[in-house]
Amino acid sequence: MVLVRNLRPPTEGVRHEEANTTAVLSGQLLGCGTLYVAETRLSWFDGSGMGFSLEYPSISLHAISRDVSAYPEEHLYVMVNGKLGGEGEAEMTEKAEEEEDEDGSDSSNGDEEEVITEIRFVPRDKASLESMFSAMCECQALHPDPDDEDSDNDFEGEEYNVEEAGPEYGHADVPTFYTCEEGLSSLTQEGQATLERLEGMLAQSVAQQYHMAGVRTEETKAEFEDGMEVDAAVAEAGQFEDADVEH
């Protein structure tokens, strides 16, 4: 992130240029100027040529904010890693960490929250917010985070063998899978008997289709559990019309 003074606006690779845009840096109103969304960096300059530029790798978040309770006007919100100081000075988080290391400070301070800078770009024409946001997405995509690329390639092209894994990774039981034939051949006598009993019950359930209310079945007779036989050919719809039914 670089804060500049009296620097000419970018002329090449500009994806979007938005005039009459107010910049608010960490709650401080900088004035009205022009926002340049270029491929190399994001820049804003006022009418006198004063302004600042942001490198895309330093931008951790950008979004359209329409919450008027957080800010009275809709705007393009940008969060930057580091602190953007005044009087042409840029104070980066990485630089501050290097100075701490040189001073021999305790590394436990790394648990503290990272310093960020919030910038709000408020255009006069609110309809331009979508174009501003889209241009920023396109330009930031040209500057991928190298840390993300390294993490994606950590295991690329490598094979992982559970048996050869070192003790530091521990040992986990890998589930064993069987095919249908392998599973049947590995059954015990008790398991085989259980399987045959289940198959018999299934076959009996399919075969016993009772004839009720005139619905035809594949069998002419169906035997109930109490031994009573019902002739499916005789049973027809309406044969129980005269029967008394208790409700």
C-alpha atoms as a PDB file:
ATOM      1  CA  MET A   1       0.000   0.000   0.000  1.00  0.00           C
ATOM      2  CA  VAL A   2       1.455   3.363  -1.052  1.00  0.00           C
ATOM      3  CA  LEU A   3       0.252   6.834  -0.160  1.00  0.00           C
ATOM      4  CA  VAL A   4       1.411   9.361  -2.751  1.00  0.00           C
ATOM      5  CA  ARG A   5       1.242  13.101  -3.282  1.00  0.00           C
ATOM      6  CA  ASN A   6       1.013  15.037  -6.534  1.00  0.00           C
ATOM      7  CA  LEU A   7       1.130  11.862  -8.614  1.00  0.00           C
ATOM      8  CA  ARG A   8      -0.480  11.766 -12.021  1.00  0.00           C
ATOM      9  CA  PRO A   9      -3.557   9.581 -12.353  1.00  0.00           C
ATOM     10  CA  PRO A  10      -3.099   6.289 -14.238  1.00  0.00           C
ATOM     11  CA  THR A  11      -3.675   6.379 -17.976  1.00  0.00           C
ATOM     12  CA  GLU A  12      -3.181   2.709 -18.920  1.00  0.00           C
ATOM     13  CA  GLY A  13      -5.261  -0.292 -17.971  1.00  0.00           C
ATOM     14  CA  VAL A  14      -8.043   1.785 -16.425  1.00  0.00           C
ATOM     15  CA  ARG A  15     -11.130  -0.420 -16.138  1.00  0.00           C
ATOM     16  CA  HIS A  16     -13.338   2.224 -14.539  1.00  0.00           C
ATOM     17  CA  GLU A  17     -13.104   5.931 -13.788  1.00  0.00           C
ATOM     18  CA  GLU A  18     -15.622   7.513 -11.439  1.00  0.00           C
ATOM     19  CA  ALA A  19     -15.637  11.275 -10.962  1.00  0.00           C
ATOM     20  CA  ASN A  20     -17.385  13.060  -8.107  1.00  0.00           C
ATOM     21  CA  THR A  21     -16.439  10.344  -5.639  1.00  0.00           C
ATOM     22  CA  THR A  22     -15.918  11.215  -1.988  1.00  0.00           C
ATOM     23  CA  ALA A  23     -13.205   9.315  -0.115  1.00  0.00           C
ATOM     24  CA  VAL A  24     -13.490   8.623   3.610  1.00  0.00           C
ATOM     25  CA  LEU A  25     -10.344   7.207   5.215  1.00  0.00           C
ATOM     26  CA  SER A  26     -10.886   5.590   8.633  1.00  0.00           C
ATOM     27  CA  GLY A  27     -13.747   7.981   9.317  1.00  0.00           C
ATOM     28  CA  GLN A  28     -11.838  11.050   8.068  1.00  0.00           C
ATOM     29  CA  LEU A  29     -13.358  12.889   5.111  1.00  0.00           C
ATOM     30  CA  LEU A  30     -10.686  13.490   2.459  1.00  0.00           C
ATOM     31  CA  GLY A  31     -12.903  15.346   0.027  1.00  0.00           C
ATOM     32  CA  CYS A  32     -14.391  14.796  -3.391  1.00  0.00           C
ATOM     33  CA  GLY A  33     -12.270  13.517  -6.241  1.00  0.00           C
ATOM     34  CA  THR A  34     -11.962  10.854  -8.925  1.00  0.00           C
ATOM     35  CA  LEU A  35     -11.581   7.117  -8.367  1.00  0.00           C
ATOM     36  CA  TYR A  36      -9.473   5.148 -10.854  1.00  0.00           C
ATOM     37  CA  VAL A  37      -9.855   1.383 -10.956  1.00  0.00           C
ATOM     38  CA  ALA A  38      -6.798   0.373 -12.955  1.00  0.00           C
ATOM     39  CA  GLU A  39      -5.254  -3.042 -13.543  1.00  0.00           C
ATOM     40  CA  THR A  40      -2.142  -2.185 -11.547  1.00  0.00           C
ATOM     41  CA  ARG A  41      -3.681  -0.417  -8.569  1.00  0.00           C
ATOM     42  CA  LEU A  42      -6.654   1.435  -7.133  1.00  0.00           C
ATOM     43  CA  SER A  43      -6.169   5.215  -7.007  1.00  0.00           C
ATOM     44  CA  TRP A  44      -8.073   8.258  -5.843  1.00  0.00           C
ATOM     45  CA  PHE A  45      -7.150  11.913  -6.408  1.00  0.00           C
ATOM     46  CA  ASP A  46      -8.858  15.157  -5.498  1.00  0.00           C
ATOM     47  CA  GLY A  47      -9.013  18.267  -7.666  1.00  0.00           C
ATOM     48  CA  SER A  48      -5.549  19.477  -6.587  1.00  0.00           C
ATOM     49  CA  GLY A  49      -3.795  16.242  -7.543  1.00  0.00           C
ATOM     50  CA  MET A  50      -3.433  14.986  -3.983  1.00  0.00           C
ATOM     51  CA  GLY A  51      -4.412  11.395  -3.395  1.00  0.00           C
ATOM     52  CA  PHE A  52      -3.309   7.851  -2.719  1.00  0.00           C
ATOM     53  CA  SER A  53      -2.943   4.494  -4.429  1.00  0.00           C
ATOM     54  CA  LEU A  54      -3.597   1.006  -3.146  1.00  0.00           C
ATOM     55  CA  GLU A  55      -1.958  -2.143  -4.422  1.00  0.00           C
ATOM     56  CA  TYR A  56      -4.432  -4.974  -4.892  1.00  0.00           C
ATOM     57  CA  PRO A  57      -2.557  -7.571  -2.780  1.00  0.00           C
ATOM     58  CA  SER A  58      -2.969  -5.228   0.202  1.00  0.00           C
ATOM     59  CA  ILE A  59      -6.766  -5.126  -0.255  1.00  0.00           C
ATOM     60  CA  SER A  60      -8.336  -7.882   1.823  1.00  0.00           C
ATOM     61  CA  LEU A  61     -11.980  -7.007   1.183  1.00  0.00           C
ATOM     62  CA  HIS A  62     -14.125  -4.854  -1.048  1.00  0.00           C
ATOM     63  CA  ALA A  63     -17.904  -4.761  -1.198  1.00  0.00           C
ATOM     64  CA  ILE A  64     -20.907  -2.571  -1.900  1.00  0.00           C
ATOM     65  CA  SER A  65     -22.364  -1.281   1.351  1.00  0.00           C
ATOM     66  CA  ARG A  66     -26.041  -0.366   1.279  1.00  0.00           C
ATOM     67  CA  ASP A  67     -26.537  -0.339   5.045  1.00  0.00           C
ATOM     68  CA  VAL A  68     -27.395   3.285   5.764  1.00  0.00           C
ATOM     69  CA  SER A  69     -27.346   2.522   9.485  1.00  0.00           C
ATOM     70  CA  ALA A  70     -23.585   1.925   9.263  1.00  0.00           C
ATOM     71  CA  TYR A  71     -22.976   4.885   6.940  1.00  0.00           C
ATOM     72  CA  PRO A  72     -25.542   7.423   5.723  1.00  0.00           C
ATOM     73  CA  GLU A  73     -24.854   6.797   2.014  1.00  0.00           C
ATOM     74  CA  GLU A  74     -24.374   3.743  -0.160  1.00  0.00           C
ATOM     75  CA  HIS A  75     -20.714   3.309  -1.065  1.00  0.00           C
ATOM     76  CA  LEU A  76     -17.894   1.018  -2.105  1.00  0.00           C
ATOM     77  CA  TYR A  77     -16.252  -0.333   1.025  1.00  0.00           C
ATOM     78  CA  VAL A  78     -12.562  -1.300   0.919  1.00  0.00           C
ATOM     79  CA  MET A  79     -10.575  -2.918   3.715  1.00  0.00           C
ATOM     80  CA  VAL A  80      -6.784  -2.700   3.518  1.00  0.00           C
ATOM     81  CA  ASN A  81      -4.200  -4.714   5.423  1.00  0.00           C
ATOM     82  CA  GLY A  82      -2.084  -2.165   7.239  1.00  0.00           C
ATOM     83  CA  LYS A  83      -2.369   1.397   8.443  1.00  0.00           C
ATOM     84  CA  LEU A  84      -2.501   4.247   5.973  1.00  0.00           C
ATOM     85  CA  GLY A  85      -0.927   7.229   7.686  1.00  0.00           C
ATOM     86  CA  GLY A  86      -1.019  10.896   6.845  1.00  0.00           C
ATOM     87  CA  GLU A  87       1.496  13.328   5.367  1.00  0.00           C
ATOM     88  CA  GLY A  88       2.510  10.935   2.607  1.00  0.00           C
ATOM     89  CA  GLU A  89       3.448   8.085   4.908  1.00  0.00           C
ATOM     90  CA  ALA A  90       2.279   4.482   4.666  1.00  0.00           C
ATOM     91  CA  GLU A  91       2.672   2.266   7.660  1.00  0.00           C
ATOM     92  CA  MET A  92       2.475  -1.397   6.709  1.00  0.00           C
ATOM     93  CA  THR A  93       1.787  -4.233   9.100  1.00  0.00           C
ATOM     94  CA  GLU A  94       4.646  -6.294   7.661  1.00  0.00           C
ATOM     95  CA  LYS A  95       7.064  -3.424   8.181  1.00  0.00           C
ATOM     96  CA  ALA A  96       5.960  -3.041  11.778  1.00  0.00           C
ATOM     97  CA  GLU A  97       6.491  -6.755  12.373  1.00  0.00           C
ATOM     98  CA  GLU A  98      10.028  -6.559  10.968  1.00  0.00           C
ATOM     99  CA  GLU A  99      10.846  -3.696  13.319  1.00  0.00           C
ATOM    100  CA  GLU A 100       9.536  -5.714  16.258  1.00  0.00           C
ATOM    101  CA  ASP A 101      11.755  -8.648  15.288  1.00  0.00           C
ATOM    102  CA  GLU A 102      14.795  -6.383  15.102  1.00  0.00           C
ATOM    103  CA  ASP A 103      14.032  -5.031  18.571  1.00  0.00           C
ATOM    104  CA  GLY A 104      13.820  -8.576  19.917  1.00  0.00           C
ATOM    105  CA  SER A 105      10.233  -8.201  21.059  1.00  0.00           C
ATOM    106  CA  ASP A 106       8.244 -11.189  22.260  1.00  0.00           C
ATOM    107  CA  SER A 107       6.638 -13.150  19.414  1.00  0.00           C
ATOM    108  CA  SER A 108       3.534 -13.665  21.534  1.00  0.00           C
ATOM    109  CA  ASN A 109       2.322 -10.261  20.327  1.00  0.00           C
ATOM    110  CA  GLY A 110       1.493 -11.916  17.006  1.00  0.00           C
ATOM    111  CA  ASP A 111      -1.801 -13.029  18.494  1.00  0.00           C
ATOM    112  CA  GLU A 112      -3.032  -9.430  18.539  1.00  0.00           C
ATOM    113  CA  GLU A 113      -5.479  -8.244  15.924  1.00  0.00           C
ATOM    114  CA  GLU A 114      -4.022  -7.257  12.582  1.00  0.00           C
ATOM    115  CA  VAL A 115      -4.016  -3.534  11.825  1.00  0.00           C
ATOM    116  CA  ILE A 116      -6.441  -2.610   9.054  1.00  0.00           C
ATOM    117  CA  THR A 117      -7.588   0.551   7.305  1.00  0.00           C
ATOM    118  CA  GLU A 118     -11.171   1.128   6.190  1.00  0.00           C
ATOM    119  CA  ILE A 119     -11.831   3.279   3.146  1.00  0.00           C
ATOM    120  CA  ARG A 120     -15.232   4.280   1.804  1.00  0.00           C
ATOM    121  CA  PHE A 121     -15.658   5.552  -1.742  1.00  0.00           C
ATOM    122  CA  VAL A 122     -18.987   7.365  -2.033  1.00  0.00           C
ATOM    123  CA  PRO A 123     -19.935   8.203  -5.641  1.00  0.00           C
ATOM    124  CA  ARG A 124     -22.464  10.889  -6.393  1.00  0.00           C
ATOM    125  CA  ASP A 125     -24.079   8.548  -8.903  1.00  0.00           C
ATOM    126  CA  LYS A 126     -25.096   5.536  -6.820  1.00  0.00           C
ATOM    127  CA  ALA A 127     -25.960   3.617  -9.995  1.00  0.00           C
ATOM    128  CA  SER A 128     -22.217   3.382 -10.684  1.00  0.00           C
ATOM    129  CA  LEU A 129     -21.564   1.215  -7.636  1.00  0.00           C
ATOM    130  CA  GLU A 130     -22.114  -2.024  -9.543  1.00  0.00           C
ATOM    131  CA  SER A 131     -19.654  -0.990 -12.262  1.00  0.00           C
ATOM    132  CA  MET A 132     -17.085   0.101  -9.686  1.00  0.00           C
ATOM    133  CA  PHE A 133     -17.397  -3.193  -7.840  1.00  0.00           C
ATOM    134  CA  SER A 134     -17.182  -5.317 -11.010  1.00  0.00           C
ATOM    135  CA  ALA A 135     -14.090  -3.460 -12.202  1.00  0.00           C
ATOM    136  CA  MET A 136     -12.405  -4.027  -8.846  1.00  0.00           C
ATOM    137  CA  CYS A 137     -13.203  -7.752  -9.006  1.00  0.00           C
ATOM    138  CA  GLU A 138     -11.659  -8.015 -12.461  1.00  0.00           C
ATOM    139  CA  CYS A 139      -8.518  -6.122 -11.500  1.00  0.00           C
ATOM    140  CA  GLN A 140      -7.998  -7.924  -8.208  1.00  0.00           C
ATOM    141  CA  ALA A 141      -8.283 -11.254 -10.029  1.00  0.00           C
ATOM    142  CA  LEU A 142      -5.154 -10.221 -11.938  1.00  0.00           C
ATOM    143  CA  HIS A 143      -3.229 -10.205  -8.654  1.00  0.00           C
ATOM    144  CA  PRO A 144      -3.865 -13.572  -6.934  1.00  0.00           C
ATOM    145  CA  ASP A 145      -2.592 -14.104  -3.433  1.00  0.00           C
ATOM    146  CA  PRO A 146       0.652 -16.150  -3.649  1.00  0.00           C
ATOM    147  CA  ASP A 147      -0.141 -17.748  -0.291  1.00  0.00           C
ATOM    148  CA  ASP A 148      -3.348 -19.209  -1.721  1.00  0.00           C
ATOM    149  CA  GLU A 149      -1.471 -20.659  -4.702  1.00  0.00           C
ATOM    150  CA  ASP A 150       1.109 -22.274  -2.430  1.00  0.00           C
ATOM    151  CA  SER A 151      -1.591 -23.893  -0.291  1.00  0.00           C
ATOM    152  CA  ASP A 152      -3.350 -25.262  -3.381  1.00  0.00           C
ATOM    153  CA  ASN A 153      -0.121 -26.844  -4.629  1.00  0.00           C
ATOM    154  CA  ASP A 154       0.960 -28.360  -1.319  1.00  0.00           C
ATOM    155  CA  PHE A 155      -0.306 -31.836  -2.223  1.00  0.00           C
ATOM    156  CA  GLU A 156      -0.342 -31.527  -5.991  1.00  0.00           C
ATOM    157  CA  GLY A 157       1.401 -34.437  -7.708  1.00  0.00           C
ATOM    158  CA  GLU A 158       1.974 -36.306  -4.455  1.00  0.00           C
ATOM    159  CA  GLU A 159       0.597 -39.672  -3.408  1.00  0.00           C
ATOM    160  CA  TYR A 160      -0.401 -40.406   0.146  1.00  0.00           C
ATOM    161  CA  ASN A 161       0.046 -43.939   1.449  1.00  0.00           C
ATOM    162  CA  VAL A 162      -1.639 -44.715   4.743  1.00  0.00           C
ATOM    163  CA  GLU A 163       0.606 -47.688   5.458  1.00  0.00           C
ATOM    164  CA  GLU A 164       3.767 -45.646   4.895  1.00  0.00           C
ATOM    165  CA  ALA A 165       2.569 -42.674   6.931  1.00  0.00           C
ATOM    166  CA  GLY A 166       4.794 -41.837   9.827  1.00  0.00           C
ATOM    167  CA  PRO A 167       3.740 -42.272  13.454  1.00  0.00           C
ATOM    168  CA  GLU A 168       3.267 -38.537  13.774  1.00  0.00           C
ATOM    169  CA  TYR A 169       0.132 -38.838  11.650  1.00  0.00           C
ATOM    170  CA  GLY A 170      -1.286 -41.590  13.842  1.00  0.00           C
ATOM    171  CA  HIS A 171      -3.009 -44.686  12.556  1.00  0.00           C
ATOM    172  CA  ALA A 172      -6.629 -44.964  11.597  1.00  0.00           C
ATOM    173  CA  ASP A 173      -8.559 -48.094  10.692  1.00  0.00           C
ATOM    174  CA  VAL A 174      -9.370 -48.079   7.003  1.00  0.00           C
ATOM    175  CA  PRO A 175     -12.815 -49.562   6.279  1.00  0.00           C
ATOM    176  CA  THR A 176     -12.879 -52.758   4.207  1.00  0.00           C
ATOM    177  CA  PHE A 177     -15.289 -52.996   1.305  1.00  0.00           C
ATOM    178  CA  TYR A 178     -16.591 -56.242  -0.222  1.00  0.00           C
ATOM    179  CA  THR A 179     -18.303 -57.032  -3.476  1.00  0.00           C
ATOM    180  CA  CYS A 180     -21.533 -59.024  -3.457  1.00  0.00           C
ATOM    181  CA  GLU A 181     -19.785 -62.337  -4.164  1.00  0.00           C
ATOM    182  CA  GLU A 182     -17.012 -61.675  -1.648  1.00  0.00           C
ATOM    183  CA  GLY A 183     -19.539 -60.768   1.024  1.00  0.00           C
ATOM    184  CA  LEU A 184     -21.556 -63.961   0.559  1.00  0.00           C
ATOM    185  CA  SER A 185     -18.487 -66.185   0.604  1.00  0.00           C
ATOM    186  CA  SER A 186     -17.291 -64.628   3.858  1.00  0.00           C
ATOM    187  CA  LEU A 187     -20.541 -65.331   5.748  1.00  0.00           C
ATOM    188  CA  THR A 188     -20.450 -67.731   8.689  1.00  0.00           C
ATOM    189  CA  GLN A 189     -22.889 -70.642   8.985  1.00  0.00           C
ATOM    190  CA  GLU A 190     -25.066 -68.608  11.315  1.00  0.00           C
ATOM    191  CA  GLY A 191     -25.002 -65.657   8.934  1.00  0.00           C
ATOM    192  CA  GLN A 192     -25.850 -67.901   5.975  1.00  0.00           C
ATOM    193  CA  ALA A 193     -28.836 -69.330   7.878  1.00  0.00           C
ATOM    194  CA  THR A 194     -30.034 -65.848   8.747  1.00  0.00           C
ATOM    195  CA  LEU A 195     -29.745 -64.779   5.109  1.00  0.00           C
ATOM    196  CA  GLU A 196     -31.757 -67.792   3.916  1.00  0.00           C
ATOM    197  CA  ARG A 197     -34.455 -67.107   6.526  1.00  0.00           C
ATOM    198  CA  LEU A 198     -34.716 -63.474   5.428  1.00  0.00           C
ATOM    199  CA  GLU A 199     -34.928 -64.479   1.773  1.00  0.00           C
ATOM    200  CA  GLY A 200     -37.734 -66.927   2.610  1.00  0.00           C
ATOM    201  CA  MET A 201     -39.652 -64.286   4.527  1.00  0.00           C
ATOM    202  CA  LEU A 202     -39.277 -61.871   1.624  1.00  0.00           C
ATOM    203  CA  ALA A 203     -40.492 -64.430  -0.907  1.00  0.00           C
ATOM    204  CA  GLN A 204     -43.484 -65.305   1.278  1.00  0.00           C
ATOM    205  CA  SER A 205     -44.353 -61.635   1.704  1.00  0.00           C
ATOM    206  CA  VAL A 206     -44.334 -61.073  -2.042  1.00  0.00           C
ATOM    207  CA  ALA A 207     -46.379 -64.208  -2.762  1.00  0.00           C
ATOM    208  CA  GLN A 208     -49.091 -63.455  -0.212  1.00  0.00           C
ATOM    209  CA  GLN A 209     -51.153 -60.776  -1.885  1.00  0.00           C
ATOM    210  CA  TYR A 210     -54.613 -60.775  -0.348  1.00  0.00           C
ATOM    211  CA  HIS A 211     -57.778 -60.146  -2.344  1.00  0.00           C
ATOM    212  CA  MET A 212     -59.688 -57.266  -0.768  1.00  0.00           C
ATOM    213  CA  ALA A 213     -62.546 -55.141  -2.171  1.00  0.00           C
ATOM    214  CA  GLY A 214     -62.484 -56.892  -5.532  1.00  0.00           C
ATOM    215  CA  VAL A 215     -58.794 -56.311  -6.258  1.00  0.00           C
ATOM    216  CA  ARG A 216     -57.377 -59.194  -8.239  1.00  0.00           C
ATOM    217  CA  THR A 217     -54.310 -61.140  -7.072  1.00  0.00           C
ATOM    218  CA  GLU A 218     -51.959 -63.515  -8.810  1.00  0.00           C
ATOM    219  CA  GLU A 219     -53.065 -66.433  -6.600  1.00  0.00           C
ATOM    220  CA  THR A 220     -56.553 -67.867  -6.585  1.00  0.00           C
ATOM    221  CA  LYS A 221     -56.358 -68.535  -2.890  1.00  0.00           C
ATOM    222  CA  ALA A 222     -54.571 -66.841  -0.006  1.00  0.00           C
ATOM    223  CA  GLU A 223     -54.076 -68.547   3.318  1.00  0.00           C
ATOM    224  CA  PHE A 224     -54.167 -66.403   6.460  1.00  0.00           C
ATOM    225  CA  GLU A 225     -52.288 -67.083   9.642  1.00  0.00           C
ATOM    226  CA  ASP A 226     -55.339 -68.677  11.331  1.00  0.00           C
ATOM    227  CA  GLY A 227     -55.653 -71.261   8.540  1.00  0.00           C
ATOM    228  CA  MET A 228     -58.685 -69.683   6.927  1.00  0.00           C
ATOM    229  CA  GLU A 229     -58.693 -69.841   3.156  1.00  0.00           C
ATOM    230  CA  VAL A 230     -60.276 -67.210   0.958  1.00  0.00           C
ATOM    231  CA  ASP A 231     -61.227 -68.005  -2.605  1.00  0.00           C
ATOM    232  CA  ALA A 232     -60.087 -65.029  -4.664  1.00  0.00           C
ATOM    233  CA  ALA A 233     -62.259 -66.048  -7.605  1.00  0.00           C
ATOM    234  CA  VAL A 234     -65.407 -65.822  -5.481  1.00  0.00           C
ATOM    235  CA  ALA A 235     -64.505 -62.632  -3.643  1.00  0.00           C
ATOM    236  CA  GLU A 236     -65.878 -59.700  -5.609  1.00  0.00           C
ATOM    237  CA  ALA A 237     -66.511 -56.060  -4.957  1.00  0.00           C
ATOM    238  CA  GLY A 238     -69.709 -55.464  -3.034  1.00  0.00           C
ATOM    239  CA  GLN A 239     -69.869 -58.854  -1.314  1.00  0.00           C
ATOM    240  CA  PHE A 240     -69.591 -57.213   2.115  1.00  0.00           C
ATOM    241  CA  GLU A 241     -72.199 -54.512   1.511  1.00  0.00           C
ATOM    242  CA  ASP A 242     -74.768 -56.160   3.815  1.00  0.00           C
ATOM    243  CA  ALA A 243     -72.306 -56.772   6.613  1.00  0.00           C
ATOM    244  CA  ASP A 244     -72.574 -54.774   9.818  1.00  0.00           C
ATOM    245  CA  VAL A 245     -69.601 -52.584  10.454  1.00  0.00           C
ATOM    246  CA  GLU A 246     -68.753 -51.267  13.880  1.00  0.00           C
ATOM    247  CA  HIS A 247     -67.200 -47.831  14.008  1.00  0.00           C
END
